[in-house]
Protein backbone atom coordinates (compact mmCIF):
# COMPACT_ATOMS: atom_id res chain seq x y z
CA MET A 1 -67.47 159.42 -130.99
CA GLY A 2 -64.04 158.26 -129.90
CA ALA A 3 -62.34 161.61 -129.25
CA PRO A 4 -61.09 162.55 -125.77
CA ALA A 5 -63.31 164.91 -123.79
CA ALA A 6 -60.71 167.71 -123.97
CA VAL A 7 -60.66 167.59 -127.77
CA LEU A 8 -64.45 167.52 -127.96
CA ALA A 9 -64.73 170.45 -125.55
CA ARG A 10 -62.22 172.50 -127.55
CA TRP A 11 -64.15 171.97 -130.79
CA LYS A 12 -67.55 172.58 -129.20
CA ALA A 13 -66.28 175.81 -127.65
CA LYS A 14 -65.33 177.36 -130.97
CA ALA A 15 -68.11 179.79 -131.80
CA ASP A 16 -67.05 180.72 -135.34
CA PRO A 17 -67.19 177.80 -137.82
CA ASP A 18 -64.32 179.38 -139.77
CA ASP A 19 -62.15 179.08 -136.65
CA ALA A 20 -62.84 175.35 -136.57
CA GLU A 21 -60.32 174.82 -139.36
CA GLN A 22 -57.52 176.21 -137.23
CA ASP A 23 -55.96 173.96 -134.62
CA ASP A 24 -53.34 174.89 -132.07
CA ASP A 25 -51.87 171.40 -131.63
CA ASP A 26 -49.76 169.34 -134.02
CA GLY A 27 -52.80 167.51 -135.41
CA LYS A 28 -51.60 164.13 -134.15
CA PRO A 29 -53.80 162.05 -131.87
CA PRO A 30 -52.43 161.69 -128.33
CA SER A 31 -51.05 158.25 -127.48
CA GLY A 32 -52.19 156.60 -130.68
CA GLU A 33 -55.91 157.27 -130.17
CA ARG A 34 -58.05 157.41 -133.29
CA LEU A 35 -59.57 160.89 -133.51
CA PHE A 36 -61.46 162.96 -135.96
CA ALA A 37 -62.41 166.60 -135.85
CA VAL A 38 -66.01 167.72 -136.14
CA ARG A 39 -66.85 171.31 -136.87
CA PRO A 40 -69.28 172.68 -134.28
CA ASP A 41 -71.95 173.34 -136.91
CA ASN A 42 -71.83 169.64 -137.90
CA TRP A 43 -72.35 168.17 -134.42
CA PRO A 44 -76.15 167.82 -134.77
CA CYS A 45 -75.68 165.77 -137.93
CA VAL A 46 -72.94 163.59 -136.44
CA ARG A 47 -74.97 162.97 -133.28
CA LEU A 48 -78.08 162.09 -135.28
CA PHE A 49 -76.21 159.83 -137.69
CA ALA A 50 -74.54 157.98 -134.80
CA ALA A 51 -77.90 157.57 -133.05
CA LEU A 52 -79.32 156.02 -136.24
CA ASP A 53 -76.72 153.23 -136.15
CA THR A 54 -79.36 150.54 -135.58
CA GLN A 55 -81.85 152.00 -138.07
CA TRP A 56 -80.61 150.56 -141.38
CA HIS A 57 -82.61 148.63 -143.94
CA HIS A 58 -80.94 145.35 -144.89
CA ALA A 59 -81.26 143.72 -148.31
CA PRO A 60 -81.04 139.92 -148.30
CA LEU A 61 -78.15 138.29 -150.16
CA GLY A 62 -79.27 134.69 -149.86
CA MET A 63 -76.66 132.46 -148.24
CA ALA A 64 -74.26 135.40 -148.11
CA GLY A 65 -76.39 137.14 -145.47
CA SER A 66 -77.53 140.69 -146.06
CA MET A 67 -76.20 144.13 -146.86
CA HIS A 68 -77.07 147.60 -145.63
CA SER A 69 -79.28 149.30 -148.20
CA GLY A 70 -80.09 152.63 -146.58
CA LEU A 71 -81.36 154.34 -143.48
CA ARG A 72 -84.93 154.04 -142.27
CA TYR A 73 -86.03 157.63 -142.84
CA GLU A 74 -89.33 157.04 -141.08
CA VAL A 75 -87.51 157.03 -137.71
CA LEU A 76 -85.29 160.04 -138.40
CA ASP A 77 -87.68 162.61 -136.85
CA LEU A 78 -88.31 160.44 -133.79
CA VAL A 79 -84.60 159.92 -133.10
CA ALA A 80 -83.85 163.60 -133.75
CA ARG A 81 -86.58 164.66 -131.32
CA HIS A 82 -85.13 162.43 -128.59
CA LEU A 83 -81.73 164.07 -129.15
CA GLY A 84 -83.18 167.58 -129.17
CA VAL A 85 -82.03 168.05 -132.78
CA ARG A 86 -84.19 169.98 -135.25
CA VAL A 87 -84.30 168.36 -138.69
CA THR A 88 -83.81 171.05 -141.31
CA PRO A 89 -83.49 170.54 -145.07
CA ARG A 90 -79.71 171.05 -144.74
CA LEU A 91 -79.44 168.52 -141.91
CA PHE A 92 -81.44 166.00 -143.94
CA GLU A 93 -79.11 166.47 -146.93
CA ASP A 94 -76.09 166.10 -144.62
CA ILE A 95 -77.52 162.84 -143.22
CA ARG A 96 -78.05 161.59 -146.77
CA ALA A 97 -74.43 162.47 -147.65
CA MET A 98 -73.17 160.57 -144.61
CA GLU A 99 -75.44 157.65 -145.49
CA ALA A 100 -74.05 157.53 -149.05
CA ALA A 101 -70.47 157.64 -147.76
CA ALA A 102 -71.23 154.88 -145.23
CA LEU A 103 -72.84 152.70 -147.91
CA ASP A 104 -69.78 153.17 -150.15
CA GLU A 105 -67.45 152.18 -147.31
CA LEU A 106 -69.60 149.19 -146.33
CA ALA A 107 -69.61 148.01 -149.96
CA ARG A 108 -65.82 148.39 -150.12
CA VAL A 109 -65.34 146.36 -146.95
CA ARG A 110 -67.79 143.70 -148.16
CA ALA A 111 -65.93 143.41 -151.50
CA GLU A 112 -62.56 143.12 -149.74
CA ARG A 113 -63.95 140.42 -147.45
CA GLU A 114 -65.34 138.49 -150.41
CA GLN A 115 -62.01 138.74 -152.28
CA ARG A 116 -60.20 137.44 -149.19
CA ARG A 117 -62.63 134.51 -148.91
CA GLN A 118 -62.20 133.73 -152.60
CA ARG A 119 -58.37 133.68 -152.26
CA GLU A 120 -58.70 131.37 -149.24
CA ARG A 121 -60.97 129.02 -151.18
CA GLU A 122 -58.52 128.98 -154.10
CA ARG A 123 -55.61 128.21 -151.75
CA GLY A 124 -57.60 125.33 -150.28
CA ARG A 125 -58.04 123.76 -153.75
CA ARG A 126 -54.32 123.59 -154.41
């Protein structure tokens, strides 16, 4: 997920989820690396969500291509089983929350890209 092995090991080793909020370093990524912290109790959800990266439905947008419209839930159990992750109601809700956040971010990026294209087209008309 982009974090150095030492950081991942430190977070995985924390047994108490309340301890996961405490960090003994300065909170800055070493040498400019992009990091994020994952609480140990959230690792199954993060692993499953990452493994579902190719399992998105796409809605057609005509000449504009397509957009992500949601995860393919029918493959969730299969992917989870291959990872050794048990799908619980809480895990399913967590996956849905991550899906909603991802869809919001994808929509934001798509809108920014469209605005940039529109400005470029307007500049070309001048």
